[in-house]
Amino acid sequence: MNTLISLDTPRVWIGCLACYNAGHLQGDWYDADTADLVTPSDLHGRETQHEELWVMDHDNFHGTITGECSPSHAAEIAEALAGLRDDEAPAFGAWFSEFGSDTEPNQWVDQFRDEFRGFHDSEADFAREWFEATSDEEEKARLTQWPFNEIDWERASHDLFTSGFHAEDAPGGIYVFTTR
């Protein structure tokens, strides 16, 4: 029987550490959301005295895992990723690598959504968009007149990103987050 696997589903290769330390690779690929349920007996296909399992490889975690980890940690991250829209996952990966360890796992998605300020072409573009979004019509109208139409948004963005906002590189731009 063939099993259909989504190309976007976070997956992990779980291996037996006792076997690995003895020079033998014993493991298999699993959907990450159930990684914490895999037992040494599942992995070996029989009862075993081996006790410790470890995630030695992974796919589709959007940068949230950069090396090896425990199966339970992979399952927590997979659960968080499942709670996101597809367009949020790459930004979540950037947020997680910077701020995830400072947040309780059950708060990851809510905290990410509270702090995410979107994808922008550059810090300067964000500074101008932020000004326009937080200003009243009179302030916006001033931007069309000198000297306000000569604002150096690159320089203005420096102030924003050293006192309240954080940028992470993204393909074709940046992800912006508020800082804590």
Protein backbone atom coordinates (compact mmCIF):
# COMPACT_ATOMS: atom_id res chain seq x y z
CA MET A 1 0.00 0.00 0.00
CA ASN A 2 1.41 3.41 -0.94
CA THR A 3 1.22 6.29 1.51
CA LEU A 4 0.81 9.83 0.27
CA ILE A 5 3.18 12.23 2.03
CA SER A 6 2.71 15.97 1.82
CA LEU A 7 5.88 17.74 0.69
CA ASP A 8 5.24 20.42 3.33
CA THR A 9 4.72 18.12 6.32
CA PRO A 10 7.53 18.42 8.87
CA ARG A 11 9.29 15.05 8.99
CA VAL A 12 12.05 13.68 11.18
CA TRP A 13 14.51 10.82 10.94
CA ILE A 14 14.56 9.27 14.39
CA GLY A 15 17.47 7.03 15.26
CA CYS A 16 18.43 4.81 18.17
CA LEU A 17 21.37 6.35 20.05
CA ALA A 18 22.60 3.02 21.43
CA CYS A 19 22.80 1.58 17.91
CA TYR A 20 24.42 4.76 16.59
CA ASN A 21 27.07 4.65 19.34
CA ALA A 22 27.72 1.00 18.43
CA GLY A 23 28.35 1.99 14.79
CA HIS A 24 24.98 0.91 13.36
CA LEU A 25 22.29 3.23 12.02
CA GLN A 26 18.85 2.11 13.11
CA GLY A 27 16.05 4.55 12.38
CA ASP A 28 13.32 5.71 10.08
CA TRP A 29 11.39 8.77 8.88
CA TYR A 30 8.26 9.83 10.77
CA ASP A 31 5.81 12.69 10.63
CA ALA A 32 7.15 15.13 13.20
CA ASP A 33 3.83 15.76 14.90
CA THR A 34 3.93 12.18 16.23
CA ALA A 35 7.69 11.99 16.85
CA ASP A 36 7.19 12.05 20.62
CA LEU A 37 5.07 8.89 20.37
CA VAL A 38 7.75 6.77 18.68
CA THR A 39 9.23 4.15 21.01
CA PRO A 40 12.46 2.17 20.75
CA SER A 41 10.32 -0.92 20.08
CA ASP A 42 8.62 0.89 17.16
CA LEU A 43 12.00 1.80 15.74
CA HIS A 44 13.45 -1.70 16.08
CA GLY A 45 10.25 -3.57 15.18
CA ARG A 46 10.60 -5.65 18.36
CA GLU A 47 11.19 -5.28 22.09
CA THR A 48 14.62 -3.86 22.90
CA GLN A 49 16.71 -2.77 25.88
CA HIS A 50 17.68 0.41 24.04
CA GLU A 51 16.05 3.46 25.56
CA GLU A 52 17.15 6.71 23.93
CA LEU A 53 15.92 8.03 20.59
CA TRP A 54 17.15 11.16 18.84
CA VAL A 55 16.14 13.20 15.78
CA MET A 56 19.18 13.06 13.52
CA ASP A 57 17.69 14.65 10.40
CA HIS A 58 14.62 16.69 9.54
CA ASP A 59 12.71 18.29 6.66
CA ASN A 60 10.22 21.15 6.28
CA PHE A 61 10.82 22.93 9.58
CA HIS A 62 11.41 26.37 7.97
CA GLY A 63 14.63 26.93 9.92
CA THR A 64 13.16 26.23 13.35
CA ILE A 65 15.49 23.25 13.83
CA THR A 66 19.08 23.66 12.70
CA GLY A 67 20.62 20.47 14.08
CA GLU A 68 19.69 17.41 16.04
CA CYS A 69 17.07 17.44 18.79
CA SER A 70 14.81 15.25 20.88
CA PRO A 71 11.69 13.75 19.30
CA SER A 72 9.52 15.65 21.80
CA HIS A 73 11.07 19.00 20.78
CA ALA A 74 10.46 18.22 17.11
CA ALA A 75 6.83 17.32 17.90
CA GLU A 76 6.33 20.63 19.76
CA ILE A 77 7.66 22.60 16.80
CA ALA A 78 5.58 20.58 14.33
CA GLU A 79 2.48 21.34 16.40
CA ALA A 80 3.28 25.06 16.27
CA LEU A 81 3.85 24.92 12.51
CA ALA A 82 0.51 23.15 12.07
CA GLY A 83 -1.16 26.13 13.76
CA LEU A 84 0.17 28.56 11.16
CA ARG A 85 -1.04 29.53 7.71
CA ASP A 86 1.34 28.43 4.94
CA ASP A 87 2.40 32.04 4.31
CA GLU A 88 3.37 32.48 7.98
CA ALA A 89 5.70 29.47 8.27
CA PRO A 90 8.88 31.03 6.77
CA ALA A 91 8.51 34.16 8.94
CA PHE A 92 7.84 31.96 11.97
CA GLY A 93 11.12 30.16 11.25
CA ALA A 94 12.97 33.48 11.31
CA TRP A 95 11.17 34.57 14.50
CA PHE A 96 11.75 31.21 16.16
CA SER A 97 15.51 31.22 15.54
CA GLU A 98 15.76 34.63 17.21
CA PHE A 99 13.07 34.57 19.91
CA GLY A 100 11.65 31.04 20.23
CA SER A 101 13.86 29.88 23.08
CA ASP A 102 12.60 32.79 25.22
CA THR A 103 8.97 31.71 24.88
CA GLU A 104 7.02 28.77 26.26
CA PRO A 105 6.10 26.27 23.52
CA ASN A 106 2.35 26.68 24.07
CA GLN A 107 2.80 30.43 23.42
CA TRP A 108 4.96 30.25 20.29
CA VAL A 109 2.24 30.91 17.70
CA ASP A 110 0.46 33.66 19.67
CA GLN A 111 3.73 35.40 20.54
CA PHE A 112 4.91 35.19 16.92
CA ARG A 113 1.64 36.73 15.68
CA ASP A 114 1.85 39.49 18.30
CA GLU A 115 5.40 40.42 17.28
CA PHE A 116 5.35 39.89 13.49
CA ARG A 117 5.07 43.14 11.54
CA GLY A 118 5.22 41.66 8.07
CA PHE A 119 7.49 41.23 5.09
CA HIS A 120 9.06 44.40 3.70
CA ASP A 121 11.52 45.20 0.93
CA SER A 122 13.93 46.92 3.32
CA GLU A 123 14.18 48.60 6.71
CA ALA A 124 13.73 51.99 5.00
CA ASP A 125 10.53 50.80 3.30
CA PHE A 126 9.24 49.55 6.63
CA ALA A 127 10.04 52.92 8.28
CA ARG A 128 8.02 54.82 5.69
CA GLU A 129 5.13 52.33 5.79
CA TRP A 130 5.13 52.41 9.59
CA PHE A 131 5.01 56.21 9.58
CA GLU A 132 2.10 56.19 7.13
CA ALA A 133 0.21 53.55 9.13
CA THR A 134 0.63 55.34 12.46
CA SER A 135 0.14 58.94 11.31
CA ASP A 136 -3.01 60.97 10.87
CA GLU A 137 -3.97 62.54 7.54
CA GLU A 138 -2.43 65.91 8.39
CA GLU A 139 0.96 64.33 9.13
CA LYS A 140 0.78 62.29 5.92
CA ALA A 141 -0.03 65.42 3.92
CA ARG A 142 3.12 67.08 5.25
CA LEU A 143 5.20 64.37 3.56
CA THR A 144 4.40 65.96 0.21
CA GLN A 145 5.98 69.28 1.26
CA TRP A 146 9.56 70.32 1.80
CA PRO A 147 11.44 69.57 4.07
CA PHE A 148 9.33 66.52 4.98
CA ASN A 149 9.46 65.09 1.47
CA GLU A 150 13.26 64.89 1.90
CA ILE A 151 13.24 62.46 4.85
CA ASP A 152 16.11 60.00 4.72
CA TRP A 153 14.10 56.83 5.41
CA GLU A 154 17.27 54.75 5.60
CA ARG A 155 18.51 56.89 8.46
CA ALA A 156 15.08 57.02 10.07
CA SER A 157 14.90 53.24 9.95
CA HIS A 158 18.14 53.06 11.92
CA ASP A 159 16.37 54.70 14.86
CA LEU A 160 13.42 52.34 14.60
CA PHE A 161 15.57 49.23 14.40
CA THR A 162 17.72 50.21 17.38
CA SER A 163 14.75 50.99 19.61
CA GLY A 164 11.83 48.67 19.14
CA PHE A 165 11.95 46.69 15.90
CA HIS A 166 14.04 43.77 14.71
CA ALA A 167 14.66 42.61 11.12
CA GLU A 168 15.59 39.15 9.87
CA ASP A 169 16.69 38.53 6.30
CA ALA A 170 14.13 36.92 4.01
CA PRO A 171 14.24 36.02 0.32
CA GLY A 172 13.81 39.36 -1.47
CA GLY A 173 13.50 41.48 1.67
CA ILE A 174 13.15 41.29 5.44
CA TYR A 175 10.75 40.05 8.09
CA VAL A 176 10.09 42.67 10.76
CA PHE A 177 9.27 41.94 14.40
CA THR A 178 8.75 44.10 17.45
CA THR A 179 11.32 43.51 20.15
CA ARG A 180 10.51 42.66 23.73
